[in-house]
Amino acid sequence: MREEQTHNRLWIVMLVVLGGAAVISLVLGIRHAFEYGSHDLQWSDARLLSQHIDPWQEQLSRLPHHPSHFSPPNYLHLFYLLLLPCGLLSFHTAQIVWCVGNICLSILVVLLLQRLFSLDRFQTTLVLCLLWMSAPFRVTLEVGQVSLFELFFFCAAYVALSTWLSGICLGFSLVKYSFSPVVGLLFLLRGRIRLLLIAAGVLVVGLIGVHLLLPTPLLRLAAEPFLVSRVAVNPGIADLMTFTEYFFTYLGANARAVNLSYAVAFACSLLYTIFLSRFRLSKGAELTLVSLASLFLFKHLIYDYVFLAIPLSYALSRYSSRRSRPVFLGIFVFWFLATFLNRAIHGFNVNLVGLAINVGLLAVLLAYTTYFVIQEESRTRETPDAEARP
């Protein structure tokens, strides 16, 4: 009894210290958001849409209506339809709304993870503190990114109790489609066709809704976000797709480098999902591996690494296993050494070497986590009195 009380007191002291650090990190993220102008906030594109101007065509044609301060519109149509009310606000007001919304979403994400992984209150608080302390979270606030929006609906798709609600949440999460290939292929292999059709229907509704506001032909409008993403998205920091593109460029295949990088990413996605489809996995285990594989295979910048909150939660739910320790170490690298990872890829001469190191680190994390999760799931099924997992 006394040992348990001492253990709880140590947890409380640790959470108080981490909570203070998390609040400081949160304040810094908010401060930087207003200092640096939230340039990834898609406010200008929503505003153009409200004025019946095609924001994707503005980017592709280099037309003058798109302010140079803001990032290109490389997300799917549904997102801009949802963002229309923000486009009607002044930029400063939209900044405040989006920043507050991101903070609220981070809390909701942790609550979803608590439910999915059956975390206790200490573990849940720890996940929130570490998430707020992480560089990806601060960068998400600073630049006004959509990563937490996407993470919330991605998790909600697995927590939802009905196929319809799960499909709708999945559709919302796929507005940033770099996470869609792995989960789409795995659901297809597992025969979750109805869920995929619902998600696709949600995206089609978004496309039609935007089409009603713009004169752009429907088929051209459907392709525009993908065309923008090919020419206006920065390289990732640790993904196979970015490394492949730069590797083939280094070899002199400049014209085909982008296409080859897509081919390699999709081929590896197919191989990985075929491998995963052989195993019986809980929802939390599947979400963990799908999120990590998506980070590794497709182009992602540092703010997308808020998705590591998922494997962090899985590892915490299996904290008694020594095998969970390397997962924590890998997440620590990408959450708290992110500045060094970004610096490692600056300049083309060191880009390939820096990318290779970063890609290698993430590949090791994915490979080990896959082994760890499959072993834990197998052990849980084989133990008669094992606690039921969601």
Protein backbone atom coordinates (compact mmCIF):
# COMPACT_ATOMS: atom_id res chain seq x y z
CA MET A 1 0.00 0.00 0.00
CA ARG A 2 2.79 2.40 0.97
CA GLU A 3 4.72 1.51 -2.21
CA GLU A 4 1.63 2.27 -4.29
CA GLN A 5 1.20 5.67 -2.60
CA THR A 6 4.86 6.50 -3.23
CA HIS A 7 4.48 5.46 -6.86
CA ASN A 8 1.41 7.67 -7.29
CA ARG A 9 3.18 10.63 -5.69
CA LEU A 10 6.09 10.23 -8.10
CA TRP A 11 3.63 10.20 -11.00
CA ILE A 12 1.97 13.36 -9.72
CA VAL A 13 5.30 15.17 -9.30
CA MET A 14 6.36 14.14 -12.79
CA LEU A 15 3.06 15.27 -14.31
CA VAL A 16 3.27 18.63 -12.52
CA VAL A 17 6.75 19.20 -13.96
CA LEU A 18 5.73 18.04 -17.43
CA GLY A 19 2.50 20.03 -17.22
CA GLY A 20 4.47 23.21 -16.59
CA ALA A 21 6.73 22.49 -19.55
CA ALA A 22 3.68 21.71 -21.71
CA VAL A 23 2.02 25.03 -20.88
CA ILE A 24 5.24 26.92 -21.69
CA SER A 25 5.45 25.09 -25.03
CA LEU A 26 1.78 25.85 -25.72
CA VAL A 27 2.28 29.57 -25.01
CA LEU A 28 5.33 29.63 -27.30
CA GLY A 29 3.35 27.99 -30.09
CA ILE A 30 0.54 30.53 -29.77
CA ARG A 31 2.98 33.44 -29.64
CA HIS A 32 4.84 32.27 -32.74
CA ALA A 33 1.57 31.76 -34.61
CA PHE A 34 0.89 35.49 -34.44
CA GLU A 35 4.53 36.49 -34.91
CA TYR A 36 5.04 34.42 -38.06
CA GLY A 37 1.58 34.93 -39.56
CA SER A 38 0.23 31.34 -39.70
CA HIS A 39 1.24 31.03 -43.35
CA ASP A 40 -0.19 27.50 -43.73
CA LEU A 41 -3.67 28.60 -42.65
CA GLN A 42 -5.84 28.15 -45.75
CA TRP A 43 -7.77 31.35 -45.03
CA SER A 44 -6.93 33.07 -48.32
CA ASP A 45 -8.05 30.04 -50.36
CA ALA A 46 -11.35 29.81 -48.48
CA ARG A 47 -11.78 33.53 -49.07
CA LEU A 48 -11.14 33.11 -52.80
CA LEU A 49 -13.69 30.29 -52.90
CA SER A 50 -16.27 32.53 -51.20
CA GLN A 51 -15.64 35.02 -54.03
CA HIS A 52 -16.18 32.25 -56.64
CA ILE A 53 -12.48 32.20 -57.60
CA ASP A 54 -10.81 28.82 -58.09
CA PRO A 55 -7.89 28.77 -55.56
CA TRP A 56 -6.18 25.74 -57.16
CA GLN A 57 -6.24 27.39 -60.59
CA GLU A 58 -4.80 30.53 -59.02
CA GLN A 59 -1.81 28.52 -57.84
CA LEU A 60 -1.35 26.52 -61.05
CA SER A 61 -1.67 29.58 -63.32
CA ARG A 62 0.25 31.96 -61.04
CA LEU A 63 -2.64 34.40 -61.14
CA PRO A 64 -2.43 37.53 -58.94
CA HIS A 65 -5.29 36.90 -56.51
CA HIS A 66 -3.39 34.39 -54.35
CA PRO A 67 -1.27 36.19 -51.69
CA SER A 68 2.34 35.00 -51.74
CA HIS A 69 2.43 34.87 -47.92
CA PHE A 70 0.12 31.86 -47.79
CA SER A 71 0.77 28.21 -48.61
CA PRO A 72 -0.71 26.66 -51.77
CA PRO A 73 -4.15 25.00 -51.70
CA ASN A 74 -3.07 21.35 -51.89
CA TYR A 75 -5.94 19.81 -49.90
CA LEU A 76 -9.17 18.30 -51.17
CA HIS A 77 -12.29 20.34 -51.88
CA LEU A 78 -14.24 19.34 -48.78
CA PHE A 79 -11.76 21.09 -46.51
CA TYR A 80 -12.25 24.47 -48.19
CA LEU A 81 -16.00 24.01 -48.08
CA LEU A 82 -15.74 23.46 -44.31
CA LEU A 83 -13.40 26.45 -44.03
CA LEU A 84 -15.74 28.87 -45.83
CA PRO A 85 -16.93 30.53 -42.58
CA CYS A 86 -13.27 31.28 -41.71
CA GLY A 87 -12.81 32.83 -45.14
CA LEU A 88 -15.58 35.32 -44.34
CA LEU A 89 -13.72 36.52 -41.23
CA SER A 90 -10.79 38.91 -41.10
CA PHE A 91 -7.45 37.12 -41.17
CA HIS A 92 -6.62 38.05 -37.57
CA THR A 93 -9.96 36.71 -36.32
CA ALA A 94 -9.58 33.56 -38.42
CA GLN A 95 -6.10 33.09 -36.92
CA ILE A 96 -7.50 33.19 -33.39
CA VAL A 97 -10.34 30.81 -34.24
CA TRP A 98 -8.00 28.32 -35.93
CA CYS A 99 -5.41 28.44 -33.15
CA VAL A 100 -8.03 27.87 -30.44
CA GLY A 101 -9.59 25.14 -32.56
CA ASN A 102 -6.26 23.34 -32.90
CA ILE A 103 -5.72 23.41 -29.13
CA CYS A 104 -9.22 22.01 -28.55
CA LEU A 105 -8.63 19.33 -31.18
CA SER A 106 -5.41 18.26 -29.44
CA ILE A 107 -7.37 17.64 -26.23
CA LEU A 108 -10.11 15.76 -28.08
CA VAL A 109 -7.50 13.62 -29.85
CA VAL A 110 -6.01 12.57 -26.52
CA LEU A 111 -9.48 11.72 -25.19
CA LEU A 112 -10.10 9.54 -28.26
CA LEU A 113 -6.76 7.81 -27.69
CA GLN A 114 -7.66 7.30 -24.03
CA ARG A 115 -10.80 5.48 -25.08
CA LEU A 116 -9.18 3.48 -27.86
CA PHE A 117 -6.20 2.28 -25.78
CA SER A 118 -7.91 2.17 -22.35
CA LEU A 119 -5.39 4.59 -20.85
CA ASP A 120 -5.70 5.57 -17.20
CA ARG A 121 -5.84 9.23 -16.16
CA PHE A 122 -2.09 9.45 -15.55
CA GLN A 123 -1.25 8.00 -18.95
CA THR A 124 -3.80 10.26 -20.64
CA THR A 125 -2.37 13.37 -18.97
CA LEU A 126 1.14 12.23 -19.90
CA VAL A 127 0.19 11.90 -23.58
CA LEU A 128 -1.30 15.39 -23.60
CA CYS A 129 1.72 16.91 -21.85
CA LEU A 130 4.21 15.24 -24.19
CA LEU A 131 2.14 16.19 -27.24
CA TRP A 132 2.02 19.86 -26.19
CA MET A 133 5.76 19.80 -25.43
CA SER A 134 6.63 18.35 -28.84
CA ALA A 135 8.08 20.37 -31.71
CA PRO A 136 5.46 19.08 -34.21
CA PHE A 137 2.64 20.45 -32.02
CA ARG A 138 4.28 23.88 -31.69
CA VAL A 139 4.93 24.03 -35.44
CA THR A 140 1.31 23.07 -36.12
CA LEU A 141 0.18 26.06 -34.06
CA GLU A 142 2.86 28.36 -35.49
CA VAL A 143 2.02 27.77 -39.15
CA GLY A 144 -1.72 27.10 -38.78
CA GLN A 145 -1.53 23.56 -40.15
CA VAL A 146 -4.40 21.04 -40.49
CA SER A 147 -2.53 18.10 -38.93
CA LEU A 148 -4.59 18.03 -35.72
CA PHE A 149 -7.84 18.29 -37.71
CA GLU A 150 -6.74 15.28 -39.72
CA LEU A 151 -5.49 13.37 -36.67
CA PHE A 152 -8.78 13.90 -34.82
CA PHE A 153 -10.92 12.47 -37.62
CA PHE A 154 -8.41 9.68 -38.33
CA CYS A 155 -8.69 8.52 -34.71
CA ALA A 156 -12.46 9.08 -34.66
CA ALA A 157 -12.83 6.75 -37.66
CA TYR A 158 -11.43 3.93 -35.49
CA VAL A 159 -13.29 4.87 -32.33
CA ALA A 160 -16.71 5.34 -34.00
CA LEU A 161 -19.24 2.64 -33.11
CA SER A 162 -21.05 2.51 -36.47
CA THR A 163 -19.82 1.97 -40.02
CA TRP A 164 -21.60 5.11 -41.22
CA LEU A 165 -20.02 7.37 -38.61
CA SER A 166 -16.62 5.72 -39.12
CA GLY A 167 -16.85 6.25 -42.88
CA ILE A 168 -17.85 9.90 -42.49
CA CYS A 169 -14.94 10.55 -40.11
CA LEU A 170 -12.56 8.76 -42.46
CA GLY A 171 -13.79 10.93 -45.34
CA PHE A 172 -13.10 14.11 -43.33
CA SER A 173 -9.63 12.85 -42.39
CA LEU A 174 -8.69 12.20 -46.01
CA VAL A 175 -8.94 15.85 -47.08
CA LYS A 176 -5.17 15.71 -46.56
CA TYR A 177 -4.76 12.66 -48.71
CA SER A 178 -1.16 11.74 -47.89
CA PHE A 179 -2.53 9.42 -45.19
CA SER A 180 -5.11 7.78 -47.46
CA PRO A 181 -3.16 5.17 -49.52
CA VAL A 182 -2.10 2.90 -46.63
CA VAL A 183 -5.42 2.94 -44.79
CA GLY A 184 -7.36 2.67 -48.07
CA LEU A 185 -5.40 -0.34 -49.26
CA LEU A 186 -5.63 -2.09 -45.88
CA PHE A 187 -9.39 -1.54 -45.66
CA LEU A 188 -9.73 -2.84 -49.21
CA LEU A 189 -7.76 -5.99 -48.40
CA ARG A 190 -9.81 -6.52 -45.24
CA GLY A 191 -13.06 -6.18 -47.20
CA ARG A 192 -14.26 -2.94 -45.57
CA ILE A 193 -15.76 -1.79 -48.86
CA ARG A 194 -18.83 -0.14 -47.39
CA LEU A 195 -16.74 2.04 -45.10
CA LEU A 196 -14.52 3.11 -48.02
CA LEU A 197 -17.55 3.92 -50.18
CA ILE A 198 -18.99 6.13 -47.43
CA ALA A 199 -15.66 7.95 -47.08
CA ALA A 200 -15.44 8.42 -50.85
CA GLY A 201 -19.04 9.68 -50.88
CA VAL A 202 -18.17 12.34 -48.29
CA LEU A 203 -15.31 13.56 -50.50
CA VAL A 204 -17.54 13.56 -53.59
CA VAL A 205 -20.09 15.70 -51.74
CA GLY A 206 -17.28 18.16 -51.00
CA LEU A 207 -16.23 18.20 -54.66
CA ILE A 208 -19.78 18.83 -55.88
CA GLY A 209 -20.32 21.52 -53.24
CA VAL A 210 -17.22 23.41 -54.42
CA HIS A 211 -18.20 22.85 -58.08
CA LEU A 212 -21.47 24.68 -57.41
CA LEU A 213 -19.43 27.73 -56.38
CA LEU A 214 -16.96 27.71 -59.27
CA PRO A 215 -17.15 27.75 -63.09
CA THR A 216 -14.30 25.18 -63.38
CA PRO A 217 -15.32 21.95 -65.20
CA LEU A 218 -15.91 19.12 -62.73
CA LEU A 219 -13.18 16.73 -63.93
CA ARG A 220 -10.55 19.47 -64.03
CA LEU A 221 -11.61 20.63 -60.57
CA ALA A 222 -11.29 17.07 -59.23
CA ALA A 223 -7.67 16.83 -60.44
CA GLU A 224 -6.46 20.29 -59.39
CA PRO A 225 -5.46 19.55 -55.73
CA PHE A 226 -3.25 16.67 -56.92
CA LEU A 227 -1.65 18.84 -59.61
CA VAL A 228 -0.88 21.52 -57.01
CA SER A 229 0.66 18.95 -54.65
CA ARG A 230 3.09 17.83 -57.39
CA VAL A 231 4.57 21.29 -57.90
CA ALA A 232 4.04 23.29 -54.71
CA VAL A 233 4.73 21.04 -51.70
CA ASN A 234 8.03 21.17 -49.81
CA PRO A 235 10.11 18.00 -49.32
CA GLY A 236 9.44 15.91 -46.22
CA ILE A 237 12.00 15.32 -43.50
CA ALA A 238 12.10 11.52 -43.15
CA ASP A 239 9.88 9.78 -45.68
CA LEU A 240 10.68 7.30 -48.41
CA MET A 241 8.87 9.30 -51.09
CA THR A 242 11.03 12.42 -50.57
CA PHE A 243 14.23 10.36 -50.42
CA THR A 244 13.32 8.48 -53.62
CA GLU A 245 12.58 11.71 -55.48
CA TYR A 246 15.90 13.29 -54.46
CA PHE A 247 17.81 10.07 -55.11
CA PHE A 248 16.55 9.77 -58.69
CA THR A 249 17.17 13.49 -59.21
CA TYR A 250 20.75 12.97 -58.03
CA LEU A 251 21.10 10.15 -60.58
CA GLY A 252 19.96 12.52 -63.33
CA ALA A 253 16.40 11.28 -63.84
CA ASN A 254 14.96 14.73 -63.14
CA ALA A 255 11.96 14.42 -65.45
CA ARG A 256 10.84 11.11 -63.95
CA ALA A 257 11.89 11.57 -60.34
CA VAL A 258 8.46 12.65 -59.05
CA ASN A 259 6.61 9.87 -60.87
CA LEU A 260 9.12 7.29 -59.67
CA SER A 261 8.76 8.49 -56.09
CA TYR A 262 4.99 8.03 -56.26
CA ALA A 263 5.42 4.56 -57.78
CA VAL A 264 7.84 3.44 -55.07
CA ALA A 265 5.60 4.82 -52.28
CA PHE A 266 2.47 3.11 -53.62
CA ALA A 267 4.29 -0.18 -54.27
CA CYS A 268 5.68 -0.25 -50.73
CA SER A 269 2.24 0.65 -49.36
CA LEU A 270 0.74 -2.33 -51.15
CA LEU A 271 3.44 -4.69 -49.88
CA TYR A 272 3.12 -3.44 -46.30
CA THR A 273 -0.69 -3.66 -46.26
CA ILE A 274 -0.59 -7.17 -47.74
CA PHE A 275 1.75 -8.10 -44.89
CA LEU A 276 -0.52 -6.50 -42.24
CA SER A 277 -3.66 -8.10 -43.67
CA ARG A 278 -2.29 -11.51 -42.62
CA PHE A 279 -2.61 -10.64 -38.92
CA ARG A 280 -5.56 -10.18 -36.60
CA LEU A 281 -5.08 -6.78 -35.04
CA SER A 282 -7.14 -4.72 -32.62
CA LYS A 283 -8.36 -1.34 -33.81
CA GLY A 284 -5.69 0.45 -31.79
CA ALA A 285 -2.92 -1.78 -33.13
CA GLU A 286 -4.05 -1.31 -36.71
CA LEU A 287 -4.32 2.46 -36.30
CA THR A 288 -0.82 2.54 -34.79
CA LEU A 289 0.80 0.75 -37.71
CA VAL A 290 -1.21 2.50 -40.41
CA SER A 291 -0.29 5.94 -39.06
CA LEU A 292 3.43 5.10 -38.79
CA ALA A 293 3.54 3.52 -42.25
CA SER A 294 1.86 6.59 -43.75
CA LEU A 295 4.44 8.87 -42.12
CA PHE A 296 7.27 6.75 -43.51
CA LEU A 297 6.03 6.12 -47.04
CA PHE A 298 4.53 9.45 -48.13
CA LYS A 299 5.71 13.04 -48.04
CA HIS A 300 5.28 14.64 -44.61
CA LEU A 301 6.74 17.72 -42.95
CA ILE A 302 7.48 18.02 -39.24
CA TYR A 303 3.96 19.12 -38.21
CA ASP A 304 2.50 15.79 -39.39
CA TYR A 305 4.49 13.99 -36.71
CA VAL A 306 1.76 14.82 -34.20
CA PHE A 307 0.50 11.44 -35.47
CA LEU A 308 3.16 9.83 -33.27
CA ALA A 309 0.72 10.40 -30.40
CA ILE A 310 -0.92 7.19 -31.64
CA PRO A 311 2.08 4.82 -31.24
CA LEU A 312 2.93 6.66 -28.01
CA SER A 313 -0.51 5.76 -26.63
CA TYR A 314 -0.19 2.16 -27.77
CA ALA A 315 3.24 1.84 -26.12
CA LEU A 316 1.91 3.38 -22.89
CA SER A 317 -0.96 0.88 -22.87
CA ARG A 318 1.71 -1.86 -22.96
CA TYR A 319 4.11 -0.07 -20.63
CA SER A 320 4.72 -3.19 -18.54
CA SER A 321 6.44 -4.78 -21.53
CA ARG A 322 10.14 -3.99 -21.91
CA ARG A 323 9.64 -4.13 -25.66
CA SER A 324 7.84 -0.79 -25.50
CA ARG A 325 10.99 1.15 -24.54
CA PRO A 326 12.47 1.52 -28.07
CA VAL A 327 9.14 2.93 -29.29
CA PHE A 328 9.37 5.72 -26.70
CA LEU A 329 12.95 6.41 -27.79
CA GLY A 330 11.98 6.69 -31.45
CA ILE A 331 9.12 9.07 -30.68
CA PHE A 332 11.45 11.15 -28.51
CA VAL A 333 13.80 11.59 -31.49
CA PHE A 334 11.09 12.87 -33.83
CA TRP A 335 9.30 14.99 -31.23
CA PHE A 336 12.19 16.58 -29.38
CA LEU A 337 15.12 16.48 -31.80
CA ALA A 338 13.05 17.72 -34.73
CA THR A 339 15.13 20.88 -35.16
CA PHE A 340 18.23 18.80 -35.83
CA LEU A 341 16.31 16.56 -38.25
CA ASN A 342 15.19 19.62 -40.21
CA ARG A 343 18.70 21.07 -40.30
CA ALA A 344 20.07 17.77 -41.58
CA ILE A 345 18.26 18.13 -44.92
CA HIS A 346 19.09 21.77 -45.72
CA GLY A 347 21.03 22.30 -48.94
CA PHE A 348 21.12 19.79 -51.80
CA ASN A 349 24.70 18.61 -51.17
CA VAL A 350 23.79 17.31 -47.71
CA ASN A 351 20.14 16.68 -48.48
CA LEU A 352 20.58 13.12 -49.64
CA VAL A 353 22.79 12.15 -46.70
CA GLY A 354 20.56 13.94 -44.18
CA LEU A 355 17.44 12.42 -45.70
CA ALA A 356 19.02 8.97 -45.67
CA ILE A 357 19.75 9.27 -41.94
CA ASN A 358 16.25 10.55 -41.15
CA VAL A 359 14.59 7.94 -43.35
CA GLY A 360 16.70 5.23 -41.73
CA LEU A 361 15.62 6.35 -38.24
CA LEU A 362 11.94 6.31 -39.19
CA ALA A 363 12.30 2.99 -41.00
CA VAL A 364 13.79 1.45 -37.86
CA LEU A 365 10.94 2.88 -35.77
CA LEU A 366 8.33 1.48 -38.18
CA ALA A 367 10.00 -1.93 -38.42
CA TYR A 368 10.43 -2.28 -34.66
CA THR A 369 6.93 -1.00 -33.84
CA THR A 370 5.46 -3.45 -36.35
CA TYR A 371 7.32 -6.31 -34.64
CA PHE A 372 6.37 -5.04 -31.17
CA VAL A 373 2.67 -4.59 -32.00
CA ILE A 374 2.31 -7.97 -33.70
CA GLN A 375 4.03 -9.72 -30.79
CA GLU A 376 1.87 -7.90 -28.23
CA GLU A 377 -1.34 -8.65 -30.11
CA SER A 378 -0.40 -12.31 -30.37
CA ARG A 379 0.44 -12.46 -26.66
CA THR A 380 -2.84 -10.77 -25.71
CA ARG A 381 -4.87 -13.30 -27.71
CA GLU A 382 -2.98 -16.26 -26.26
CA THR A 383 -3.38 -15.12 -22.61
CA PRO A 384 -6.78 -16.37 -21.36
CA ASP A 385 -7.17 -13.69 -18.69
CA ALA A 386 -5.75 -10.84 -20.77
CA GLU A 387 -7.59 -7.61 -20.50
CA ALA A 388 -9.87 -7.06 -23.48
CA ARG A 389 -8.62 -4.39 -25.87
CA PRO A 390 -10.81 -2.20 -28.05
